[in-house]
């Protein structure tokens, strides 16, 4: 079976309405190129680094305008659509959710996932991020059924935690989605290496749509959306400006890669190093 998949790469603004317009135009472009599964980056509805501003602009899931627009568009175009992540207001927490939505070809939300790992770092050059101040971390890993097999859903910083991807693959995932808004310094250093490693370790296709460029809120993102084979080959790569990339995924390559290196079957229990054991007591 062949799946034509696409990554939509955008430079999301600090208001929801223009983001819906820009991303929807590129979704239509991906559909025109024959894509059956179209993916979008992290925070595709709202790139707003200022906590107070983000909280004021975000909407609850039930009334989130981008989600409604994407559901309508998926049904209109008869495609599966990944809203990489939307910034969503929560009723029971002052923080927001960084939530990925997988939408089927009828416009139904087939699965959703809240980002588990929070990007709390200080980078050289003065960039500082404290996602845990803004977002409530998720607690549940998600694998969702699709016509092309189970899809494991993750978001950006998750990619640095290989155990999550191994768990998704061992739970049946054949495709892994990694929508992102990677910073430029970390993107240049680690983006390609980490994503290729996640594909190789799991024998999965990896689809990683990314934010790019300079955003209204002052954030700089790396771009270079990627589609990667289970053998770690880059099948398609974007540059550093908005656009669409498309690749044909030969799903038989999953079994081929896993047969050649069946590492998912070779886990062994082991004792933790003494320092970790003592820390857990």
C-alpha atoms as a PDB file:
ATOM      1  CA  UNK A   1       0.000   0.000   0.000  1.00  0.00           C
ATOM      2  CA  UNK A   2       1.216   3.493  -0.883  1.00  0.00           C
ATOM      3  CA  UNK A   3       0.241   6.528   1.182  1.00  0.00           C
ATOM      4  CA  UNK A   4       0.846   9.992  -0.209  1.00  0.00           C
ATOM      5  CA  UNK A   5       1.545  12.175   2.822  1.00  0.00           C
ATOM      6  CA  UNK A   6       2.249  15.885   3.102  1.00  0.00           C
ATOM      7  CA  UNK A   7       3.733  18.374   5.532  1.00  0.00           C
ATOM      8  CA  UNK A   8       2.404  21.908   5.583  1.00  0.00           C
ATOM      9  CA  UNK A   9       5.079  24.361   6.741  1.00  0.00           C
ATOM     10  CA  UNK A  10       3.963  27.779   8.007  1.00  0.00           C
ATOM     11  CA  UNK A  11       5.048  30.828   9.970  1.00  0.00           C
ATOM     12  CA  UNK A  12       2.167  31.109  12.416  1.00  0.00           C
ATOM     13  CA  UNK A  13       1.135  34.560  13.613  1.00  0.00           C
ATOM     14  CA  UNK A  14      -0.046  35.803  16.999  1.00  0.00           C
ATOM     15  CA  UNK A  15      -3.727  35.786  15.962  1.00  0.00           C
ATOM     16  CA  UNK A  16      -5.867  32.782  15.105  1.00  0.00           C
ATOM     17  CA  UNK A  17      -7.773  34.012  12.032  1.00  0.00           C
ATOM     18  CA  UNK A  18      -4.765  34.662   9.739  1.00  0.00           C
ATOM     19  CA  UNK A  19      -3.287  31.315  10.752  1.00  0.00           C
ATOM     20  CA  UNK A  20      -6.437  29.485   9.669  1.00  0.00           C
ATOM     21  CA  UNK A  21      -6.324  31.252   6.299  1.00  0.00           C
ATOM     22  CA  UNK A  22      -2.632  30.638   5.629  1.00  0.00           C
ATOM     23  CA  UNK A  23      -2.659  26.983   6.676  1.00  0.00           C
ATOM     24  CA  UNK A  24      -5.915  26.209   4.833  1.00  0.00           C
ATOM     25  CA  UNK A  25      -4.481  27.510   1.560  1.00  0.00           C
ATOM     26  CA  UNK A  26      -1.499  25.183   1.927  1.00  0.00           C
ATOM     27  CA  UNK A  27      -3.716  22.244   2.894  1.00  0.00           C
ATOM     28  CA  UNK A  28      -5.581  22.759  -0.368  1.00  0.00           C
ATOM     29  CA  UNK A  29      -2.257  22.864  -2.202  1.00  0.00           C
ATOM     30  CA  UNK A  30      -1.227  19.552  -0.605  1.00  0.00           C
ATOM     31  CA  UNK A  31      -4.558  18.019  -1.592  1.00  0.00           C
ATOM     32  CA  UNK A  32      -4.079  19.258  -5.160  1.00  0.00           C
ATOM     33  CA  UNK A  33      -0.796  17.334  -5.193  1.00  0.00           C
ATOM     34  CA  UNK A  34      -2.655  14.139  -4.283  1.00  0.00           C
ATOM     35  CA  UNK A  35      -1.958  13.974  -0.542  1.00  0.00           C
ATOM     36  CA  UNK A  36      -4.325  11.729   1.412  1.00  0.00           C
ATOM     37  CA  UNK A  37      -2.818  12.533   4.809  1.00  0.00           C
ATOM     38  CA  UNK A  38      -1.855  16.166   5.439  1.00  0.00           C
ATOM     39  CA  UNK A  39      -0.005  17.258   8.566  1.00  0.00           C
ATOM     40  CA  UNK A  40       0.551  20.699  10.116  1.00  0.00           C
ATOM     41  CA  UNK A  41       3.087  21.978  12.674  1.00  0.00           C
ATOM     42  CA  UNK A  42       2.941  22.616  16.389  1.00  0.00           C
ATOM     43  CA  UNK A  43       0.978  25.712  17.581  1.00  0.00           C
ATOM     44  CA  UNK A  44      -0.432  26.096  14.080  1.00  0.00           C
ATOM     45  CA  UNK A  45      -3.397  28.115  15.368  1.00  0.00           C
ATOM     46  CA  UNK A  46      -1.513  30.543  17.628  1.00  0.00           C
ATOM     47  CA  UNK A  47       2.191  31.318  17.992  1.00  0.00           C
ATOM     48  CA  UNK A  48       2.179  33.633  21.001  1.00  0.00           C
ATOM     49  CA  UNK A  49       5.057  33.471  23.485  1.00  0.00           C
ATOM     50  CA  UNK A  50       3.577  35.990  25.933  1.00  0.00           C
ATOM     51  CA  UNK A  51       1.686  33.969  28.525  1.00  0.00           C
ATOM     52  CA  UNK A  52      -0.995  36.524  29.277  1.00  0.00           C
ATOM     53  CA  UNK A  53      -1.645  37.209  25.604  1.00  0.00           C
ATOM     54  CA  UNK A  54      -1.822  33.505  24.754  1.00  0.00           C
ATOM     55  CA  UNK A  55      -4.302  32.836  27.551  1.00  0.00           C
ATOM     56  CA  UNK A  56      -6.495  35.697  26.376  1.00  0.00           C
ATOM     57  CA  UNK A  57      -6.537  34.550  22.751  1.00  0.00           C
ATOM     58  CA  UNK A  58      -6.885  30.781  23.259  1.00  0.00           C
ATOM     59  CA  UNK A  59     -10.332  29.190  23.117  1.00  0.00           C
ATOM     60  CA  UNK A  60     -11.783  26.012  24.661  1.00  0.00           C
ATOM     61  CA  UNK A  61     -11.751  22.963  22.391  1.00  0.00           C
ATOM     62  CA  UNK A  62     -15.535  23.066  21.882  1.00  0.00           C
ATOM     63  CA  UNK A  63     -15.386  26.577  20.410  1.00  0.00           C
ATOM     64  CA  UNK A  64     -11.848  26.601  18.940  1.00  0.00           C
ATOM     65  CA  UNK A  65     -12.227  28.194  15.470  1.00  0.00           C
ATOM     66  CA  UNK A  66      -9.169  26.550  13.886  1.00  0.00           C
ATOM     67  CA  UNK A  67     -10.314  23.084  14.909  1.00  0.00           C
ATOM     68  CA  UNK A  68     -13.750  23.740  13.433  1.00  0.00           C
ATOM     69  CA  UNK A  69     -12.215  25.027  10.192  1.00  0.00           C
ATOM     70  CA  UNK A  70      -9.882  22.046   9.874  1.00  0.00           C
ATOM     71  CA  UNK A  71     -12.698  19.570  10.512  1.00  0.00           C
ATOM     72  CA  UNK A  72     -14.757  21.169   7.749  1.00  0.00           C
ATOM     73  CA  UNK A  73     -11.794  21.194   5.380  1.00  0.00           C
ATOM     74  CA  UNK A  74     -10.930  17.533   6.000  1.00  0.00           C
ATOM     75  CA  UNK A  75     -14.505  16.531   5.204  1.00  0.00           C
ATOM     76  CA  UNK A  76     -14.663  18.778   2.130  1.00  0.00           C
ATOM     77  CA  UNK A  77     -11.405  17.444   0.681  1.00  0.00           C
ATOM     78  CA  UNK A  78     -11.927  13.851   1.896  1.00  0.00           C
ATOM     79  CA  UNK A  79      -8.484  13.730   3.522  1.00  0.00           C
ATOM     80  CA  UNK A  80      -7.057  12.819   6.915  1.00  0.00           C
ATOM     81  CA  UNK A  81      -5.631  15.894   8.570  1.00  0.00           C
ATOM     82  CA  UNK A  82      -3.305  16.331  11.537  1.00  0.00           C
ATOM     83  CA  UNK A  83      -3.676  19.682  13.276  1.00  0.00           C
ATOM     84  CA  UNK A  84      -0.128  19.321  14.572  1.00  0.00           C
ATOM     85  CA  UNK A  85      -1.011  21.133  17.752  1.00  0.00           C
ATOM     86  CA  UNK A  86      -3.495  23.786  18.763  1.00  0.00           C
ATOM     87  CA  UNK A  87      -3.212  26.041  21.775  1.00  0.00           C
ATOM     88  CA  UNK A  88      -6.396  25.256  23.709  1.00  0.00           C
ATOM     89  CA  UNK A  89      -7.904  26.815  26.848  1.00  0.00           C
ATOM     90  CA  UNK A  90      -8.650  24.418  29.721  1.00  0.00           C
ATOM     91  CA  UNK A  91     -11.595  24.659  32.090  1.00  0.00           C
ATOM     92  CA  UNK A  92      -9.872  23.102  35.092  1.00  0.00           C
ATOM     93  CA  UNK A  93      -6.384  24.640  34.878  1.00  0.00           C
ATOM     94  CA  UNK A  94      -5.099  28.202  34.396  1.00  0.00           C
ATOM     95  CA  UNK A  95      -2.510  26.801  32.003  1.00  0.00           C
ATOM     96  CA  UNK A  96      -3.292  25.890  28.407  1.00  0.00           C
ATOM     97  CA  UNK A  97      -3.126  22.605  26.509  1.00  0.00           C
ATOM     98  CA  UNK A  98      -0.693  22.034  23.635  1.00  0.00           C
ATOM     99  CA  UNK A  99      -2.949  19.514  21.892  1.00  0.00           C
ATOM    100  CA  UNK A 100      -2.612  17.566  18.645  1.00  0.00           C
ATOM    101  CA  UNK A 101      -5.793  16.607  16.781  1.00  0.00           C
ATOM    102  CA  UNK A 102      -6.037  13.793  14.232  1.00  0.00           C
ATOM    103  CA  UNK A 103      -9.081  14.422  12.024  1.00  0.00           C
ATOM    104  CA  UNK A 104     -10.492  11.757   9.711  1.00  0.00           C
ATOM    105  CA  UNK A 105     -11.866  12.222   6.199  1.00  0.00           C
ATOM    106  CA  UNK A 106     -15.405  12.753   7.502  1.00  0.00           C
ATOM    107  CA  UNK A 107     -14.281  15.630   9.717  1.00  0.00           C
ATOM    108  CA  UNK A 108     -14.465  13.638  12.944  1.00  0.00           C
ATOM    109  CA  UNK A 109     -11.744  14.013  15.573  1.00  0.00           C
ATOM    110  CA  UNK A 110     -10.281  10.505  15.525  1.00  0.00           C
ATOM    111  CA  UNK A 111      -7.700  11.100  18.289  1.00  0.00           C
ATOM    112  CA  UNK A 112      -6.085  13.838  20.338  1.00  0.00           C
ATOM    113  CA  UNK A 113      -2.872  14.055  22.297  1.00  0.00           C
ATOM    114  CA  UNK A 114      -1.515  16.559  24.818  1.00  0.00           C
ATOM    115  CA  UNK A 115       2.232  17.192  24.647  1.00  0.00           C
ATOM    116  CA  UNK A 116       3.930  15.273  27.463  1.00  0.00           C
ATOM    117  CA  UNK A 117       7.429  16.755  27.606  1.00  0.00           C
ATOM    118  CA  UNK A 118       7.824  20.471  28.304  1.00  0.00           C
ATOM    119  CA  UNK A 119      10.630  22.528  26.747  1.00  0.00           C
ATOM    120  CA  UNK A 120      12.106  24.371  29.758  1.00  0.00           C
ATOM    121  CA  UNK A 121      15.566  25.569  28.707  1.00  0.00           C
ATOM    122  CA  UNK A 122      17.937  28.526  28.528  1.00  0.00           C
ATOM    123  CA  UNK A 123      19.828  28.711  25.233  1.00  0.00           C
ATOM    124  CA  UNK A 124      23.029  30.550  24.362  1.00  0.00           C
ATOM    125  CA  UNK A 125      22.272  33.951  22.933  1.00  0.00           C
ATOM    126  CA  UNK A 126      19.616  34.775  25.529  1.00  0.00           C
ATOM    127  CA  UNK A 127      16.706  32.638  24.296  1.00  0.00           C
ATOM    128  CA  UNK A 128      14.749  31.169  27.204  1.00  0.00           C
ATOM    129  CA  UNK A 129      11.677  28.914  27.160  1.00  0.00           C
ATOM    130  CA  UNK A 130       9.448  27.749  30.026  1.00  0.00           C
ATOM    131  CA  UNK A 131       6.677  25.736  28.430  1.00  0.00           C
ATOM    132  CA  UNK A 132       5.609  24.314  31.782  1.00  0.00           C
ATOM    133  CA  UNK A 133       4.551  27.823  32.847  1.00  0.00           C
ATOM    134  CA  UNK A 134       2.156  28.038  29.915  1.00  0.00           C
ATOM    135  CA  UNK A 135       1.059  24.463  29.207  1.00  0.00           C
ATOM    136  CA  UNK A 136      -0.232  21.608  31.327  1.00  0.00           C
ATOM    137  CA  UNK A 137       1.810  18.495  30.449  1.00  0.00           C
ATOM    138  CA  UNK A 138      -0.042  15.532  29.021  1.00  0.00           C
ATOM    139  CA  UNK A 139       0.091  12.141  30.698  1.00  0.00           C
ATOM    140  CA  UNK A 140      -1.154   9.699  28.050  1.00  0.00           C
ATOM    141  CA  UNK A 141       0.699   8.340  25.011  1.00  0.00           C
ATOM    142  CA  UNK A 142      -1.578   7.925  21.975  1.00  0.00           C
ATOM    143  CA  UNK A 143      -1.690   5.480  19.075  1.00  0.00           C
ATOM    144  CA  UNK A 144      -4.633   5.993  16.704  1.00  0.00           C
ATOM    145  CA  UNK A 145      -6.024   3.691  13.986  1.00  0.00           C
ATOM    146  CA  UNK A 146      -6.065   5.002  10.399  1.00  0.00           C
ATOM    147  CA  UNK A 147      -6.655   3.381   6.979  1.00  0.00           C
ATOM    148  CA  UNK A 148      -2.856   3.028   6.685  1.00  0.00           C
ATOM    149  CA  UNK A 149      -2.268   1.461  10.080  1.00  0.00           C
ATOM    150  CA  UNK A 150      -1.795   2.847  13.583  1.00  0.00           C
ATOM    151  CA  UNK A 151      -0.263   6.306  13.957  1.00  0.00           C
ATOM    152  CA  UNK A 152       1.703   7.373  17.037  1.00  0.00           C
ATOM    153  CA  UNK A 153       1.141  11.037  17.864  1.00  0.00           C
ATOM    154  CA  UNK A 154       3.848  13.190  19.497  1.00  0.00           C
ATOM    155  CA  UNK A 155       4.850  16.869  19.558  1.00  0.00           C
ATOM    156  CA  UNK A 156       8.257  18.573  19.128  1.00  0.00           C
ATOM    157  CA  UNK A 157      10.333  18.253  22.338  1.00  0.00           C
ATOM    158  CA  UNK A 158       8.963  14.722  22.779  1.00  0.00           C
ATOM    159  CA  UNK A 159      11.439  13.641  20.100  1.00  0.00           C
ATOM    160  CA  UNK A 160      14.291  13.798  22.627  1.00  0.00           C
ATOM    161  CA  UNK A 161      12.713  10.994  24.678  1.00  0.00           C
ATOM    162  CA  UNK A 162      13.359   7.819  22.710  1.00  0.00           C
ATOM    163  CA  UNK A 163      11.461   5.596  25.157  1.00  0.00           C
ATOM    164  CA  UNK A 164       8.179   7.255  24.142  1.00  0.00           C
ATOM    165  CA  UNK A 165       8.695   6.327  20.495  1.00  0.00           C
ATOM    166  CA  UNK A 166       9.705   2.780  21.334  1.00  0.00           C
ATOM    167  CA  UNK A 167       6.539   2.420  23.397  1.00  0.00           C
ATOM    168  CA  UNK A 168       4.418   3.750  20.523  1.00  0.00           C
ATOM    169  CA  UNK A 169       6.017   1.362  18.026  1.00  0.00           C
ATOM    170  CA  UNK A 170       5.632  -1.604  20.362  1.00  0.00           C
ATOM    171  CA  UNK A 171       1.975  -0.605  20.784  1.00  0.00           C
ATOM    172  CA  UNK A 172       1.549  -0.990  17.023  1.00  0.00           C
ATOM    173  CA  UNK A 173       2.446   2.398  15.528  1.00  0.00           C
ATOM    174  CA  UNK A 174       3.669   2.253  11.930  1.00  0.00           C
ATOM    175  CA  UNK A 175       3.781   6.013  11.334  1.00  0.00           C
ATOM    176  CA  UNK A 176       4.971   8.608  13.859  1.00  0.00           C
ATOM    177  CA  UNK A 177       3.952  12.259  13.669  1.00  0.00           C
ATOM    178  CA  UNK A 178       6.215  14.936  15.193  1.00  0.00           C
ATOM    179  CA  UNK A 179       4.732  18.390  14.523  1.00  0.00           C
ATOM    180  CA  UNK A 180       7.191  20.971  15.785  1.00  0.00           C
ATOM    181  CA  UNK A 181       8.210  24.578  16.334  1.00  0.00           C
ATOM    182  CA  UNK A 182      11.928  23.902  16.745  1.00  0.00           C
ATOM    183  CA  UNK A 183      14.263  26.751  17.625  1.00  0.00           C
ATOM    184  CA  UNK A 184      16.978  27.611  15.118  1.00  0.00           C
ATOM    185  CA  UNK A 185      20.001  26.787  17.320  1.00  0.00           C
ATOM    186  CA  UNK A 186      18.692  23.370  18.345  1.00  0.00           C
ATOM    187  CA  UNK A 187      17.275  22.742  14.888  1.00  0.00           C
ATOM    188  CA  UNK A 188      20.616  23.252  13.173  1.00  0.00           C
ATOM    189  CA  UNK A 189      22.308  20.956  15.681  1.00  0.00           C
ATOM    190  CA  UNK A 190      19.821  18.147  16.251  1.00  0.00           C
ATOM    191  CA  UNK A 191      16.648  18.209  14.112  1.00  0.00           C
ATOM    192  CA  UNK A 192      17.685  15.817  11.341  1.00  0.00           C
ATOM    193  CA  UNK A 193      19.683  13.517  13.615  1.00  0.00           C
ATOM    194  CA  UNK A 194      16.959  13.028  16.207  1.00  0.00           C
ATOM    195  CA  UNK A 195      14.169  12.438  13.706  1.00  0.00           C
ATOM    196  CA  UNK A 196      16.204   9.975  11.637  1.00  0.00           C
ATOM    197  CA  UNK A 197      17.127   8.152  14.852  1.00  0.00           C
ATOM    198  CA  UNK A 198      13.471   7.859  15.899  1.00  0.00           C
ATOM    199  CA  UNK A 199      12.645   6.341  12.492  1.00  0.00           C
ATOM    200  CA  UNK A 200      15.568   3.907  12.576  1.00  0.00           C
ATOM    201  CA  UNK A 201      14.978   2.795  16.166  1.00  0.00           C
ATOM    202  CA  UNK A 202      11.291   2.044  15.592  1.00  0.00           C
ATOM    203  CA  UNK A 203      11.126   0.987  11.954  1.00  0.00           C
ATOM    204  CA  UNK A 204       8.404   3.593  11.441  1.00  0.00           C
ATOM    205  CA  UNK A 205       7.819   6.342   8.928  1.00  0.00           C
ATOM    206  CA  UNK A 206       8.308   9.732  10.608  1.00  0.00           C
ATOM    207  CA  UNK A 207       6.346  12.780   9.447  1.00  0.00           C
ATOM    208  CA  UNK A 208       7.548  16.036  11.011  1.00  0.00           C
ATOM    209  CA  UNK A 209       5.830  19.248   9.840  1.00  0.00           C
ATOM    210  CA  UNK A 210       7.536  22.348  11.213  1.00  0.00           C
ATOM    211  CA  UNK A 211       7.121  26.036  11.875  1.00  0.00           C
ATOM    212  CA  UNK A 212       9.575  28.291  10.050  1.00  0.00           C
ATOM    213  CA  UNK A 213      10.830  31.849   9.945  1.00  0.00           C
ATOM    214  CA  UNK A 214      10.439  34.871  12.194  1.00  0.00           C
ATOM    215  CA  UNK A 215       7.130  35.078  14.025  1.00  0.00           C
ATOM    216  CA  UNK A 216       5.233  38.170  15.178  1.00  0.00           C
ATOM    217  CA  UNK A 217       5.932  37.252  18.797  1.00  0.00           C
ATOM    218  CA  UNK A 218       9.679  37.385  18.092  1.00  0.00           C
ATOM    219  CA  UNK A 219      10.252  33.631  17.993  1.00  0.00           C
ATOM    220  CA  UNK A 220      12.598  32.198  15.337  1.00  0.00           C
ATOM    221  CA  UNK A 221      11.862  28.667  14.129  1.00  0.00           C
ATOM    222  CA  UNK A 222      13.973  26.326  12.044  1.00  0.00           C
ATOM    223  CA  UNK A 223      11.657  24.933   9.343  1.00  0.00           C
ATOM    224  CA  UNK A 224      13.018  21.943   7.372  1.00  0.00           C
ATOM    225  CA  UNK A 225       9.866  19.819   7.657  1.00  0.00           C
ATOM    226  CA  UNK A 226      10.823  16.192   7.055  1.00  0.00           C
ATOM    227  CA  UNK A 227       9.308  12.908   5.885  1.00  0.00           C
ATOM    228  CA  UNK A 228      11.594   9.981   6.743  1.00  0.00           C
ATOM    229  CA  UNK A 229      11.491   6.279   5.858  1.00  0.00           C
ATOM    230  CA  UNK A 230      11.770   3.423   8.391  1.00  0.00           C
ATOM    231  CA  UNK A 231      15.384   2.960   7.245  1.00  0.00           C
ATOM    232  CA  UNK A 232      16.194   6.571   8.122  1.00  0.00           C
ATOM    233  CA  UNK A 233      16.173   7.964   4.572  1.00  0.00           C
ATOM    234  CA  UNK A 234      14.913  11.515   4.082  1.00  0.00           C
ATOM    235  CA  UNK A 235      12.128  11.214   1.500  1.00  0.00           C
ATOM    236  CA  UNK A 236      11.201  14.908   1.447  1.00  0.00           C
ATOM    237  CA  UNK A 237      12.512  18.052   3.100  1.00  0.00           C
ATOM    238  CA  UNK A 238      11.292  21.639   3.146  1.00  0.00           C
ATOM    239  CA  UNK A 239      13.460  24.720   3.335  1.00  0.00           C
ATOM    240  CA  UNK A 240      13.068  27.668   5.663  1.00  0.00           C
ATOM    241  CA  UNK A 241       9.981  29.324   4.151  1.00  0.00           C
ATOM    242  CA  UNK A 242       6.268  28.380   4.143  1.00  0.00           C
ATOM    243  CA  UNK A 243       5.190  25.705   1.697  1.00  0.00           C
ATOM    244  CA  UNK A 244       4.275  22.051   1.184  1.00  0.00           C
ATOM    245  CA  UNK A 245       6.298  18.865   0.820  1.00  0.00           C
ATOM    246  CA  UNK A 246       4.837  15.557  -0.355  1.00  0.00           C
ATOM    247  CA  UNK A 247       6.161  11.998  -0.364  1.00  0.00           C
ATOM    248  CA  UNK A 248       4.828   8.562  -1.278  1.00  0.00           C
ATOM    249  CA  UNK A 249       5.150   6.177   1.657  1.00  0.00           C
ATOM    250  CA  UNK A 250       5.541   2.533   0.596  1.00  0.00           C
ATOM    251  CA  UNK A 251       4.158   0.915   3.731  1.00  0.00           C
ATOM    252  CA  UNK A 252       5.799  -2.435   2.918  1.00  0.00           C
ATOM    253  CA  UNK A 253       9.091  -0.752   3.857  1.00  0.00           C
ATOM    254  CA  UNK A 254       8.047  -0.932   7.519  1.00  0.00           C
ATOM    255  CA  UNK A 255       8.149  -4.734   7.627  1.00  0.00           C
ATOM    256  CA  UNK A 256      11.251  -4.733   5.463  1.00  0.00           C
ATOM    257  CA  UNK A 257      13.168  -2.514   7.895  1.00  0.00           C
ATOM    258  CA  UNK A 258      11.920  -4.372  10.968  1.00  0.00           C
ATOM    259  CA  UNK A 259      12.819  -7.743   9.469  1.00  0.00           C
ATOM    260  CA  UNK A 260      16.343  -6.560   8.739  1.00  0.00           C
ATOM    261  CA  UNK A 261      16.842  -5.179  12.260  1.00  0.00           C
ATOM    262  CA  UNK A 262      14.178  -6.663  14.608  1.00  0.00           C
ATOM    263  CA  UNK A 263      15.270  -4.565  17.594  1.00  0.00           C
ATOM    264  CA  UNK A 264      11.690  -3.969  18.785  1.00  0.00           C
ATOM    265  CA  UNK A 265      11.590  -7.659  19.746  1.00  0.00           C
ATOM    266  CA  UNK A 266      14.886  -7.692  21.628  1.00  0.00           C
ATOM    267  CA  UNK A 267      14.176  -5.773  24.834  1.00  0.00           C
ATOM    268  CA  UNK A 268      15.696  -7.238  27.967  1.00  0.00           C
ATOM    269  CA  UNK A 269      15.122  -6.304  31.579  1.00  0.00           C
ATOM    270  CA  UNK A 270      18.136  -4.891  33.362  1.00  0.00           C
ATOM    271  CA  UNK A 271      19.025  -3.482  36.744  1.00  0.00           C
ATOM    272  CA  UNK A 272      19.329   0.277  36.978  1.00  0.00           C
ATOM    273  CA  UNK A 273      22.701   1.836  37.795  1.00  0.00           C
ATOM    274  CA  UNK A 274      23.190   2.091  41.549  1.00  0.00           C
ATOM    275  CA  UNK A 275      22.897   5.885  41.615  1.00  0.00           C
ATOM    276  CA  UNK A 276      19.434   5.718  40.028  1.00  0.00           C
ATOM    277  CA  UNK A 277      18.307   2.939  42.357  1.00  0.00           C
ATOM    278  CA  UNK A 278      19.364   4.939  45.397  1.00  0.00           C
ATOM    279  CA  UNK A 279      17.618   8.064  44.084  1.00  0.00           C
ATOM    280  CA  UNK A 280      14.383   6.128  43.774  1.00  0.00           C
ATOM    281  CA  UNK A 281      14.411   4.799  47.312  1.00  0.00           C
END
